[in-house]
Amino acid sequence: MRTIVGVFAICCSLLCIGDSALAQVNGSSKTGEKLIGMYIHQHWSYNHPYAARTWTIQDWRGYLDGLHQLGFNAILIWPMLETMPDPLTPSDEANLKKIAAVIDMAHQDFRMNVSIVLCPNISPNNAEASKYTFEKRPFFHTDERVDPGDPVAFGKLIERREELFRPLAQADGVTIIDSDPGGYPKSTNLEFVYLLGAHRRMLDRIRPGINIDYWANFGWESYCYFYSTGELKRGDPSEIRRTISLMSKQRMEPWGVASGYGPDIADSLGMAGRVISYNYGAIEGEPSFPFTLFGGDRAYNAGKNGGGKGVMGNAQTHCIQLPNTFAFARGARGLPLETKDYVDFANDLIPGQGNLIVESWQALQGEDVQKMNTCAERLAALKPGSLKGGPLQGLFFGDPARFINDLVLQLRAVGSMYDFRAAVNASAKKDMVKRKFSAFISAAETWQRKHGYSNHWAWPVMQETLAKLKSKQLDATLATLTWVSDEGDTPFDKVKNGLARLEDYTPRLIASMKKALQEMD
């Protein structure tokens, strides 16, 4: 049963209604310039420099410089305050200092707007979180959900957040998501708006004027239903509009809406000017096994599809998702995008190699194994000492040899997958299938060890081909690619266990493939 004290606190907050919120429905960014932003997501723990949580201050400078040259004027950072234990580890203290320095750098050197992501109601499991450094801490093994209807527990969460956020007080804004990760069984939109109001008051104590954005990603009540039942169903736009309407009756200024429901979500409420479009997954899905994406019009159109305040894109492995980052920026700026534009962009990464880089990006999206192998051979033949970074080298942290080698490893991994699929589909002799399977495992593992990503890996061509091997233990591993586990006494426990189980899915899958290969003897 939800606590009576919690309901009383919510009702009291709803008395704080004024006309100012309704009078400022067409608010914009503080400079009046629409935002073109990149979300820099520190959730996943893997190797440097692929995972954003491992970046040095020099890496940040290079990446922000590249974004700035492409036309980005905003960044959104998730610094993972939620799982930082009390007391902080030295690595957590170092990351807070680093992010504070990044905020200053973005402001002073690149004139960028900086916002910080907070999950709505997550706190650390101190006993577990303190076992890890910031760089290695697995989120879904070290997090706890706080009941927003419990004023004592939620008050402690806000008190701790205020301590953690003070070093980041120069941030322009805070963005609070309504769902993944966050939520609580049977919680309501009214509680969520109270939660936002509590953060508003916290920010005002730290530094008045910090913007607060409601990130409409899934719908608070809909995601809380997921925790109550284990059934995942996205909220419809009416749920989002009800939440926005509730916010407008609070003293929240300055505030806005980060919309995963399109740029027009608040038009009918007369609040179009408050909306920044979050076209999540258009540059790169998340979580996802790192492969460079290229082509199509999704990233470009996502950049074009901005709201009254602007548009935000996201990547997970930023240093390999460069073509879609470029496409997103071109769309946001209303610029054309042809193959020659990609070639010019690639030449600004590594002068003289633009055509080969673009050919390799194109090959990586297809199924032509010979073309992939040819591109990989040509790239591998480049002498590392002869490669020089161009004006946009900061986007891959100034290491052209690593950038080229990453492309080679990806081409070999993808090419070997299609080779393996062809052998399986052709009902080739067992020895041939085994050789192709072994080659794929080797190439995939080589690339995985390089970047170290270990979570969710959904690749339909791989899953479909592996299923045809009819290995019981491999099928059992493939079946764990789900957000909900069978283990747990309640739907909430099953969701939590499912998310935690995915933390090491990729290395478990590779190990299972190796066992399946041995079974073929």
Protein backbone atom coordinates (compact mmCIF):
# COMPACT_ATOMS: atom_id res chain seq x y z
CA MET A 1 0.00 0.00 0.00
CA ARG A 2 1.35 3.45 -0.94
CA THR A 3 2.12 5.53 2.15
CA ILE A 4 -0.37 8.15 3.35
CA VAL A 5 2.50 10.49 4.17
CA GLY A 6 3.74 10.22 0.60
CA VAL A 7 0.32 11.10 -0.80
CA PHE A 8 0.07 14.06 1.58
CA ALA A 9 3.44 15.35 0.37
CA ILE A 10 2.29 15.10 -3.23
CA CYS A 11 -0.95 16.93 -2.52
CA CYS A 12 0.97 19.69 -0.77
CA SER A 13 3.22 20.07 -3.79
CA LEU A 14 0.19 20.52 -6.04
CA LEU A 15 -0.79 23.61 -4.07
CA CYS A 16 2.34 25.29 -5.45
CA ILE A 17 0.56 26.40 -8.61
CA GLY A 18 1.17 29.71 -10.25
CA ASP A 19 0.41 31.52 -13.48
CA SER A 20 4.08 31.92 -14.42
CA ALA A 21 4.41 28.38 -15.78
CA LEU A 22 1.44 28.81 -18.11
CA ALA A 23 2.64 32.25 -19.16
CA GLN A 24 6.01 30.88 -20.33
CA VAL A 25 4.86 27.99 -22.48
CA ASN A 26 6.97 29.07 -25.43
CA GLY A 27 10.30 29.18 -23.62
CA SER A 28 13.46 28.51 -25.64
CA SER A 29 17.15 27.92 -24.98
CA LYS A 30 18.89 30.69 -23.11
CA THR A 31 20.73 31.87 -26.23
CA GLY A 32 17.66 31.69 -28.48
CA GLU A 33 19.58 29.30 -30.76
CA LYS A 34 18.04 25.89 -31.36
CA LEU A 35 20.05 23.09 -29.84
CA ILE A 36 21.80 20.39 -31.87
CA GLY A 37 22.96 17.94 -29.25
CA MET A 38 24.73 14.65 -28.66
CA TYR A 39 23.98 12.41 -25.70
CA ILE A 40 27.19 11.03 -24.21
CA HIS A 41 26.07 7.98 -22.31
CA GLN A 42 28.35 6.53 -19.61
CA HIS A 43 26.18 3.57 -18.65
CA TRP A 44 28.07 0.63 -20.14
CA SER A 45 31.44 -0.52 -18.84
CA TYR A 46 33.90 -1.55 -21.55
CA ASN A 47 37.33 -0.61 -22.86
CA HIS A 48 39.01 2.71 -23.53
CA PRO A 49 38.28 4.69 -25.65
CA TYR A 50 35.12 2.95 -26.82
CA ALA A 51 33.14 3.46 -23.60
CA ALA A 52 32.50 7.10 -22.69
CA ARG A 53 33.09 6.47 -19.00
CA THR A 54 36.76 5.74 -19.79
CA TRP A 55 37.48 9.00 -21.65
CA THR A 56 40.30 11.22 -20.49
CA ILE A 57 39.93 14.99 -20.42
CA GLN A 58 41.99 15.03 -23.63
CA ASP A 59 39.53 12.59 -25.23
CA TRP A 60 36.66 14.85 -24.23
CA ARG A 61 38.39 17.88 -25.71
CA GLY A 62 39.00 16.14 -29.02
CA TYR A 63 35.47 14.80 -29.27
CA LEU A 64 33.83 18.12 -28.37
CA ASP A 65 36.04 19.88 -30.88
CA GLY A 66 34.88 17.48 -33.60
CA LEU A 67 31.23 17.88 -32.63
CA HIS A 68 31.61 21.66 -32.59
CA GLN A 69 33.04 21.64 -36.12
CA LEU A 70 30.09 19.55 -37.33
CA GLY A 71 27.65 22.10 -35.94
CA PHE A 72 26.67 20.59 -32.60
CA ASN A 73 26.13 23.17 -29.87
CA ALA A 74 24.97 21.00 -26.98
CA ILE A 75 25.85 17.83 -25.12
CA LEU A 76 23.93 15.71 -22.65
CA ILE A 77 26.00 13.64 -20.20
CA TRP A 78 24.93 10.78 -17.97
CA PRO A 79 27.64 10.77 -15.25
CA MET A 80 26.15 7.80 -13.40
CA LEU A 81 25.57 9.54 -10.08
CA GLU A 82 22.92 6.91 -9.33
CA THR A 83 25.34 4.06 -8.55
CA MET A 84 28.09 6.07 -6.86
CA PRO A 85 28.44 4.63 -3.33
CA ASP A 86 28.58 6.53 -0.07
CA PRO A 87 31.40 7.14 0.67
CA LEU A 88 32.68 7.70 -2.85
CA THR A 89 35.56 5.65 -4.19
CA PRO A 90 38.58 7.62 -5.45
CA SER A 91 37.53 6.79 -9.02
CA ASP A 92 34.07 8.27 -8.44
CA GLU A 93 35.59 11.44 -7.00
CA ALA A 94 37.88 11.65 -10.04
CA ASN A 95 34.98 11.27 -12.46
CA LEU A 96 32.97 14.03 -10.78
CA LYS A 97 35.97 16.36 -11.04
CA LYS A 98 36.44 15.36 -14.68
CA ILE A 99 32.81 15.99 -15.63
CA ALA A 100 32.93 19.37 -13.86
CA ALA A 101 35.99 20.21 -15.96
CA VAL A 102 34.19 19.03 -19.11
CA ILE A 103 31.28 21.36 -18.34
CA ASP A 104 33.68 24.30 -18.03
CA MET A 105 35.52 23.28 -21.21
CA ALA A 106 32.30 22.92 -23.20
CA HIS A 107 31.17 26.37 -22.07
CA GLN A 108 34.42 28.26 -22.40
CA ASP A 109 36.06 26.65 -25.43
CA PHE A 110 33.11 25.48 -27.52
CA ARG A 111 30.16 27.61 -26.36
CA MET A 112 28.13 24.45 -25.83
CA ASN A 113 25.05 23.98 -23.71
CA VAL A 114 25.57 21.13 -21.20
CA SER A 115 22.86 19.10 -19.49
CA ILE A 116 23.15 16.21 -17.06
CA VAL A 117 20.96 13.10 -17.07
CA LEU A 118 19.51 11.78 -13.83
CA CYS A 119 17.44 8.63 -13.46
CA PRO A 120 14.27 9.40 -11.50
CA ASN A 121 14.49 7.13 -8.47
CA ILE A 122 17.68 5.06 -8.49
CA SER A 123 20.15 4.87 -5.63
CA PRO A 124 23.22 2.69 -5.16
CA ASN A 125 23.45 -0.60 -3.39
CA ASN A 126 26.40 0.64 -1.36
CA ALA A 127 27.73 -2.78 -0.43
CA GLU A 128 27.91 -3.84 -4.09
CA ALA A 129 28.79 -0.50 -5.69
CA SER A 130 31.78 0.05 -3.41
CA LYS A 131 33.39 -3.16 -4.74
CA TYR A 132 34.03 -1.55 -8.14
CA THR A 133 35.81 1.40 -9.62
CA PHE A 134 33.65 3.87 -11.51
CA GLU A 135 35.03 2.57 -14.82
CA LYS A 136 34.21 -1.09 -14.11
CA ARG A 137 30.98 -0.86 -12.12
CA PRO A 138 28.08 -2.88 -13.63
CA PHE A 139 24.94 -0.78 -13.33
CA PHE A 140 22.30 -3.48 -12.98
CA HIS A 141 24.19 -5.29 -10.20
CA THR A 142 24.67 -2.17 -8.09
CA ASP A 143 21.39 -0.24 -8.35
CA GLU A 144 18.29 -0.01 -6.17
CA ARG A 145 14.85 1.48 -6.90
CA VAL A 146 13.50 3.99 -4.38
CA ASP A 147 9.74 4.21 -3.83
CA PRO A 148 8.80 7.80 -4.77
CA GLY A 149 5.74 7.46 -2.52
CA ASP A 150 7.94 6.92 0.54
CA PRO A 151 8.89 10.42 1.71
CA VAL A 152 11.63 9.21 4.05
CA ALA A 153 13.43 7.04 1.49
CA PHE A 154 12.94 9.53 -1.32
CA GLY A 155 14.06 12.40 0.90
CA LYS A 156 17.33 10.57 1.56
CA LEU A 157 17.79 10.07 -2.19
CA ILE A 158 17.38 13.79 -2.88
CA GLU A 159 19.71 14.69 -0.01
CA ARG A 160 22.43 12.44 -1.42
CA ARG A 161 21.87 13.68 -4.98
CA GLU A 162 22.27 17.26 -3.84
CA GLU A 163 25.72 16.42 -2.45
CA LEU A 164 26.75 14.65 -5.65
CA PHE A 165 25.41 17.31 -8.00
CA ARG A 166 27.08 20.30 -6.35
CA PRO A 167 30.38 19.80 -8.25
CA LEU A 168 28.32 19.89 -11.48
CA ALA A 169 26.43 23.07 -10.55
CA GLN A 170 27.55 24.95 -13.67
CA ALA A 171 25.55 22.61 -15.91
CA ASP A 172 22.84 24.40 -17.89
CA GLY A 173 20.23 21.76 -17.28
CA VAL A 174 19.16 18.42 -15.88
CA THR A 175 17.18 15.84 -17.84
CA ILE A 176 15.16 13.27 -15.89
CA ILE A 177 13.94 10.22 -17.77
CA ASP A 178 10.54 8.64 -17.09
CA SER A 179 11.60 5.04 -17.51
CA ASP A 180 14.69 3.06 -18.45
CA PRO A 181 16.27 2.89 -15.96
CA GLY A 182 13.78 3.97 -13.33
CA GLY A 183 10.24 3.35 -12.16
CA TYR A 184 8.51 1.58 -9.30
CA PRO A 185 5.59 -0.88 -9.19
CA LYS A 186 2.20 0.87 -9.20
CA SER A 187 3.66 4.37 -9.06
CA THR A 188 1.59 7.12 -10.71
CA ASN A 189 2.19 10.14 -12.90
CA LEU A 190 1.25 12.33 -9.95
CA GLU A 191 4.13 10.83 -7.97
CA PHE A 192 6.44 11.32 -10.95
CA VAL A 193 5.58 15.01 -11.18
CA TYR A 194 6.18 15.34 -7.44
CA LEU A 195 9.53 13.65 -8.03
CA LEU A 196 10.35 16.24 -10.70
CA GLY A 197 9.30 19.01 -8.33
CA ALA A 198 11.61 17.69 -5.63
CA HIS A 199 14.49 17.84 -8.11
CA ARG A 200 13.44 21.38 -9.09
CA ARG A 201 13.75 22.50 -5.47
CA MET A 202 17.07 20.67 -5.13
CA LEU A 203 18.48 22.47 -8.17
CA ASP A 204 17.25 25.83 -6.90
CA ARG A 205 19.18 25.27 -3.68
CA ILE A 206 22.32 24.48 -5.68
CA ARG A 207 22.08 27.21 -8.33
CA PRO A 208 18.82 28.87 -9.36
CA GLY A 209 18.17 28.89 -13.09
CA ILE A 210 19.22 25.35 -13.98
CA ASN A 211 16.74 24.06 -16.57
CA ILE A 212 14.90 20.81 -15.87
CA ASP A 213 13.65 18.65 -18.75
CA TYR A 214 11.12 15.85 -18.48
CA TRP A 215 12.46 13.10 -20.75
CA ALA A 216 9.34 11.49 -22.19
CA ASN A 217 10.82 8.16 -23.21
CA PHE A 218 8.27 5.48 -22.36
CA GLY A 219 5.72 6.97 -20.01
CA TRP A 220 6.18 6.74 -16.24
CA GLU A 221 3.01 4.80 -15.47
CA SER A 222 3.55 2.49 -18.44
CA TYR A 223 7.07 1.63 -17.33
CA CYS A 224 5.90 1.17 -13.75
CA TYR A 225 3.33 -1.27 -15.16
CA PHE A 226 6.32 -3.20 -16.59
CA TYR A 227 7.72 -3.49 -13.06
CA SER A 228 4.31 -4.54 -11.74
CA THR A 229 3.58 -7.19 -14.38
CA GLY A 230 6.71 -7.94 -16.43
CA GLU A 231 4.80 -6.83 -19.55
CA LEU A 232 6.52 -4.07 -21.52
CA LYS A 233 4.16 -1.70 -23.32
CA ARG A 234 5.03 1.85 -24.30
CA GLY A 235 2.72 4.61 -23.11
CA ASP A 236 0.62 6.43 -25.69
CA PRO A 237 1.00 10.17 -26.34
CA SER A 238 -2.00 11.01 -24.15
CA GLU A 239 -0.11 9.73 -21.09
CA ILE A 240 2.80 12.02 -21.93
CA ARG A 241 0.52 15.02 -22.42
CA ARG A 242 -1.14 14.40 -19.06
CA THR A 243 2.27 14.48 -17.41
CA ILE A 244 3.25 17.68 -19.24
CA SER A 245 -0.04 19.26 -18.20
CA LEU A 246 0.62 18.35 -14.56
CA MET A 247 4.10 19.85 -14.82
CA SER A 248 2.71 23.10 -16.19
CA LYS A 249 0.71 23.55 -12.99
CA GLN A 250 3.85 23.42 -10.85
CA ARG A 251 6.44 26.09 -10.15
CA MET A 252 9.05 24.35 -12.31
CA GLU A 253 10.65 27.18 -14.27
CA PRO A 254 12.80 26.90 -16.21
CA TRP A 255 11.64 23.59 -17.66
CA GLY A 256 11.08 21.74 -20.91
CA VAL A 257 10.24 18.42 -22.50
CA ALA A 258 12.76 16.06 -24.05
CA SER A 259 10.42 14.18 -26.34
CA GLY A 260 10.81 10.65 -27.59
CA TYR A 261 7.30 11.04 -29.00
CA GLY A 262 8.08 13.48 -31.81
CA PRO A 263 8.43 17.25 -31.92
CA ASP A 264 4.68 17.93 -31.81
CA ILE A 265 3.92 16.15 -28.51
CA ALA A 266 3.11 19.43 -26.72
CA ASP A 267 1.57 21.38 -29.63
CA SER A 268 -2.00 20.78 -28.49
CA LEU A 269 -1.04 22.16 -25.06
CA GLY A 270 0.41 25.33 -26.56
CA MET A 271 3.91 24.36 -25.44
CA ALA A 272 5.73 23.59 -28.70
CA GLY A 273 8.56 25.92 -27.73
CA ARG A 274 9.45 23.79 -24.74
CA VAL A 275 10.23 20.65 -26.75
CA ILE A 276 13.59 19.25 -27.77
CA SER A 277 13.23 16.10 -29.88
CA TYR A 278 15.12 13.07 -28.60
CA ASN A 279 15.27 10.83 -31.64
CA TYR A 280 16.81 7.99 -29.70
CA GLY A 281 18.59 5.20 -31.53
CA ALA A 282 18.73 6.96 -34.91
CA ILE A 283 22.52 7.26 -34.81
CA GLU A 284 23.08 4.03 -32.89
CA GLY A 285 20.86 1.72 -30.89
CA GLU A 286 21.61 1.18 -27.22
CA PRO A 287 22.57 -1.22 -25.81
CA SER A 288 24.16 -2.65 -28.94
CA PHE A 289 27.24 -4.58 -29.95
CA PRO A 290 29.63 -2.06 -31.54
CA PHE A 291 29.49 -2.01 -35.34
CA THR A 292 29.75 1.14 -37.45
CA LEU A 293 26.43 2.07 -39.09
CA PHE A 294 26.22 3.85 -42.43
CA GLY A 295 23.65 4.77 -45.05
CA GLY A 296 19.92 5.09 -45.21
CA ASP A 297 18.14 8.23 -44.12
CA ARG A 298 17.26 7.49 -40.51
CA ALA A 299 20.03 9.51 -38.86
CA TYR A 300 19.68 12.36 -41.35
CA ASN A 301 15.90 12.60 -40.92
CA ALA A 302 16.25 12.36 -37.14
CA GLY A 303 18.45 15.44 -37.25
CA LYS A 304 15.88 17.26 -39.38
CA ASN A 305 13.01 16.33 -37.07
CA GLY A 306 13.70 18.85 -34.33
CA GLY A 307 11.37 20.45 -31.82
CA GLY A 308 10.91 24.06 -30.83
CA LYS A 309 14.06 23.95 -28.69
CA GLY A 310 16.09 21.70 -30.98
CA VAL A 311 17.11 18.09 -31.42
CA MET A 312 19.25 15.53 -29.57
CA GLY A 313 20.95 12.42 -30.92
CA ASN A 314 22.72 9.63 -29.08
CA ALA A 315 25.48 7.12 -29.58
CA GLN A 316 26.89 4.38 -27.39
CA THR A 317 30.31 3.78 -28.98
CA HIS A 318 30.87 7.31 -30.22
CA CYS A 319 34.29 6.87 -31.84
CA ILE A 320 33.04 4.29 -34.36
CA GLN A 321 29.60 5.84 -35.08
CA LEU A 322 31.01 8.71 -37.10
CA PRO A 323 29.09 8.47 -40.41
CA ASN A 324 25.71 8.58 -38.66
CA THR A 325 26.92 11.36 -36.36
CA PHE A 326 27.82 13.34 -39.48
CA ALA A 327 24.47 12.51 -41.13
CA PHE A 328 22.54 13.63 -38.05
CA ALA A 329 24.37 16.96 -37.99
CA ARG A 330 23.74 17.54 -41.70
CA GLY A 331 20.04 16.89 -41.23
CA ALA A 332 19.84 19.16 -38.20
CA ARG A 333 21.52 21.98 -40.12
CA GLY A 334 19.38 21.53 -43.24
CA LEU A 335 22.39 20.60 -45.39
CA PRO A 336 22.38 18.04 -48.23
CA LEU A 337 23.92 14.61 -47.79
CA GLU A 338 25.40 12.76 -50.75
CA THR A 339 28.20 10.22 -51.09
CA LYS A 340 30.65 12.99 -51.92
CA ASP A 341 29.79 14.67 -48.60
CA TYR A 342 30.66 11.48 -46.74
CA VAL A 343 33.95 11.28 -48.67
CA ASP A 344 34.80 14.87 -47.76
CA PHE A 345 33.96 14.10 -44.14
CA ALA A 346 36.15 10.98 -44.15
CA ASN A 347 39.02 12.97 -45.67
CA ASP A 348 38.68 15.38 -42.76
CA LEU A 349 39.14 12.38 -40.49
CA ILE A 350 42.17 10.93 -42.28
CA PRO A 351 43.34 12.98 -45.28
CA GLY A 352 43.70 11.01 -48.50
CA GLN A 353 41.73 7.99 -47.28
CA GLY A 354 38.19 9.30 -47.72
CA ASN A 355 37.17 7.07 -50.62
CA LEU A 356 38.50 3.88 -49.02
CA ILE A 357 36.90 4.67 -45.67
CA VAL A 358 33.50 5.30 -47.26
CA GLU A 359 33.80 2.14 -49.39
CA SER A 360 34.52 0.23 -46.19
CA TRP A 361 31.55 1.77 -44.37
CA GLN A 362 29.34 0.81 -47.31
CA ALA A 363 30.69 -2.74 -47.45
CA LEU A 364 30.09 -3.20 -43.73
CA GLN A 365 26.34 -2.67 -44.21
CA GLY A 366 25.97 -5.29 -46.93
CA GLU A 367 26.39 -9.03 -47.42
CA ASP A 368 29.14 -9.04 -50.08
CA VAL A 369 31.89 -10.99 -48.32
CA GLN A 370 34.38 -10.51 -51.15
CA LYS A 371 33.93 -6.74 -51.00
CA MET A 372 34.37 -6.76 -47.22
CA ASN A 373 37.53 -8.83 -47.49
CA THR A 374 38.95 -6.57 -50.21
CA CYS A 375 38.31 -3.44 -48.15
CA ALA A 376 39.84 -5.07 -45.07
CA GLU A 377 42.96 -6.04 -47.02
CA ARG A 378 43.37 -2.53 -48.46
CA LEU A 379 42.93 -0.94 -45.05
CA ALA A 380 45.32 -3.39 -43.39
CA ALA A 381 47.95 -2.59 -46.03
CA LEU A 382 48.08 1.06 -44.95
CA LYS A 383 51.23 1.77 -42.98
CA PRO A 384 50.31 3.14 -39.54
CA GLY A 385 53.16 5.64 -39.63
CA SER A 386 51.85 7.15 -42.86
CA LEU A 387 48.39 7.88 -41.44
CA LYS A 388 47.82 11.42 -40.25
CA GLY A 389 44.71 12.74 -38.57
CA GLY A 390 42.74 15.54 -40.18
CA PRO A 391 40.83 18.46 -38.66
CA LEU A 392 38.12 16.11 -37.34
CA GLN A 393 40.50 13.56 -35.79
CA GLY A 394 39.20 14.41 -32.33
CA LEU A 395 36.08 12.40 -33.15
CA PHE A 396 38.24 9.25 -32.94
CA PHE A 397 40.58 10.70 -30.31
CA GLY A 398 43.47 11.39 -32.64
CA ASP A 399 44.52 7.79 -33.31
CA PRO A 400 44.13 7.10 -37.05
CA ALA A 401 45.88 3.72 -36.86
CA ARG A 402 43.38 2.47 -34.28
CA PHE A 403 40.47 3.86 -36.30
CA ILE A 404 41.64 1.96 -39.40
CA ASN A 405 42.29 -1.23 -37.45
CA ASP A 406 38.82 -1.03 -35.90
CA LEU A 407 37.33 -0.96 -39.40
CA VAL A 408 39.44 -3.97 -40.40
CA LEU A 409 38.30 -5.99 -37.39
CA GLN A 410 34.65 -5.13 -38.02
CA LEU A 411 34.83 -6.06 -41.69
CA ARG A 412 36.39 -9.40 -40.81
CA ALA A 413 33.79 -10.14 -38.14
CA VAL A 414 30.82 -9.27 -40.36
CA GLY A 415 32.29 -10.94 -43.44
CA SER A 416 32.96 -14.17 -41.56
CA MET A 417 29.36 -14.16 -40.28
CA TYR A 418 27.95 -14.11 -43.81
CA ASP A 419 30.46 -16.76 -44.87
CA PHE A 420 29.28 -18.94 -41.99
CA ARG A 421 25.62 -18.33 -42.83
CA ALA A 422 26.20 -19.29 -46.47
CA ALA A 423 27.76 -22.60 -45.43
CA VAL A 424 24.91 -23.42 -43.05
CA ASN A 425 22.19 -22.43 -45.53
CA ALA A 426 23.83 -24.43 -48.32
CA SER A 427 23.87 -27.54 -46.11
CA ALA A 428 27.60 -27.73 -46.71
CA LYS A 429 29.63 -30.62 -45.40
CA LYS A 430 30.17 -30.66 -41.66
CA ASP A 431 33.88 -29.85 -41.96
CA MET A 432 33.13 -26.77 -44.08
CA VAL A 433 30.47 -25.50 -41.64
CA LYS A 434 32.85 -26.09 -38.77
CA ARG A 435 35.67 -24.13 -40.45
CA LYS A 436 33.39 -21.20 -41.24
CA PHE A 437 31.93 -21.27 -37.72
CA SER A 438 35.41 -21.31 -36.21
CA ALA A 439 36.46 -18.36 -38.38
CA PHE A 440 33.43 -16.36 -37.28
CA ILE A 441 34.00 -17.09 -33.59
CA SER A 442 37.64 -16.05 -33.91
CA ALA A 443 36.85 -12.80 -35.76
CA ALA A 444 33.97 -11.88 -33.44
CA GLU A 445 35.99 -12.60 -30.33
CA THR A 446 38.97 -10.61 -31.61
CA TRP A 447 36.76 -7.55 -32.14
CA GLN A 448 34.92 -8.07 -28.84
CA ARG A 449 38.16 -8.28 -26.88
CA LYS A 450 39.32 -5.06 -28.50
CA HIS A 451 36.33 -3.01 -27.36
CA GLY A 452 35.28 -5.12 -24.37
CA TYR A 453 31.52 -4.54 -24.67
CA SER A 454 29.70 -7.37 -22.88
CA ASN A 455 25.95 -6.66 -22.77
CA HIS A 456 22.99 -7.19 -25.13
CA TRP A 457 23.90 -8.42 -28.64
CA ALA A 458 20.94 -8.64 -31.00
CA TRP A 459 21.96 -9.45 -34.59
CA PRO A 460 19.18 -11.34 -36.41
CA VAL A 461 21.42 -12.91 -39.04
CA MET A 462 23.62 -14.33 -36.28
CA GLN A 463 20.77 -15.55 -34.08
CA GLU A 464 18.98 -17.19 -37.02
CA THR A 465 22.13 -18.97 -38.20
CA LEU A 466 23.16 -20.16 -34.73
CA ALA A 467 19.67 -21.57 -34.14
CA LYS A 468 20.11 -23.82 -37.18
CA LEU A 469 23.01 -25.61 -35.45
CA LYS A 470 20.47 -27.15 -33.03
CA SER A 471 22.83 -27.04 -30.06
CA LYS A 472 20.80 -27.26 -26.84
CA GLN A 473 23.28 -25.37 -24.70
CA LEU A 474 23.70 -22.67 -27.37
CA ASP A 475 19.92 -22.36 -27.71
CA ALA A 476 19.70 -21.96 -23.93
CA THR A 477 22.17 -19.07 -24.05
CA LEU A 478 20.33 -17.42 -26.95
CA ALA A 479 17.12 -17.64 -24.93
CA THR A 480 18.62 -15.38 -22.24
CA LEU A 481 18.54 -12.39 -24.62
CA THR A 482 15.49 -11.05 -22.79
CA TRP A 483 14.79 -8.13 -20.46
CA VAL A 484 12.83 -10.33 -18.03
CA SER A 485 14.19 -13.37 -16.19
CA ASP A 486 12.21 -16.37 -14.99
CA GLU A 487 13.98 -16.00 -11.64
CA GLY A 488 12.36 -13.92 -8.92
CA ASP A 489 9.36 -13.94 -6.61
CA THR A 490 7.67 -10.90 -8.16
CA PRO A 491 7.52 -9.30 -11.62
CA PHE A 492 9.72 -6.52 -10.23
CA ASP A 493 12.38 -9.06 -9.20
CA LYS A 494 12.16 -10.80 -12.58
CA VAL A 495 12.72 -7.53 -14.45
CA LYS A 496 15.65 -6.60 -12.20
CA ASN A 497 17.22 -10.06 -12.59
CA GLY A 498 16.71 -10.01 -16.35
CA LEU A 499 18.49 -6.67 -16.73
CA ALA A 500 21.34 -7.87 -14.51
CA ARG A 501 21.67 -11.12 -16.47
CA LEU A 502 22.22 -9.20 -19.71
CA GLU A 503 25.33 -7.49 -18.30
CA ASP A 504 27.55 -10.38 -19.49
CA TYR A 505 25.46 -11.74 -22.37
CA THR A 506 28.07 -11.22 -25.11
CA PRO A 507 30.99 -13.12 -23.49
CA ARG A 508 28.55 -15.85 -22.42
CA LEU A 509 27.38 -16.15 -26.02
CA ILE A 510 30.93 -16.38 -27.36
CA ALA A 511 31.78 -19.07 -24.79
CA SER A 512 28.63 -20.95 -25.75
CA MET A 513 29.54 -20.76 -29.45
CA LYS A 514 32.93 -22.28 -28.63
CA LYS A 515 31.20 -25.17 -26.86
CA ALA A 516 28.90 -25.66 -29.85
CA LEU A 517 31.96 -25.80 -32.10
CA GLN A 518 33.46 -28.52 -29.90
CA GLU A 519 30.18 -30.43 -30.05
CA MET A 520 30.61 -30.66 -33.82
CA ASP A 521 33.66 -32.94 -33.43
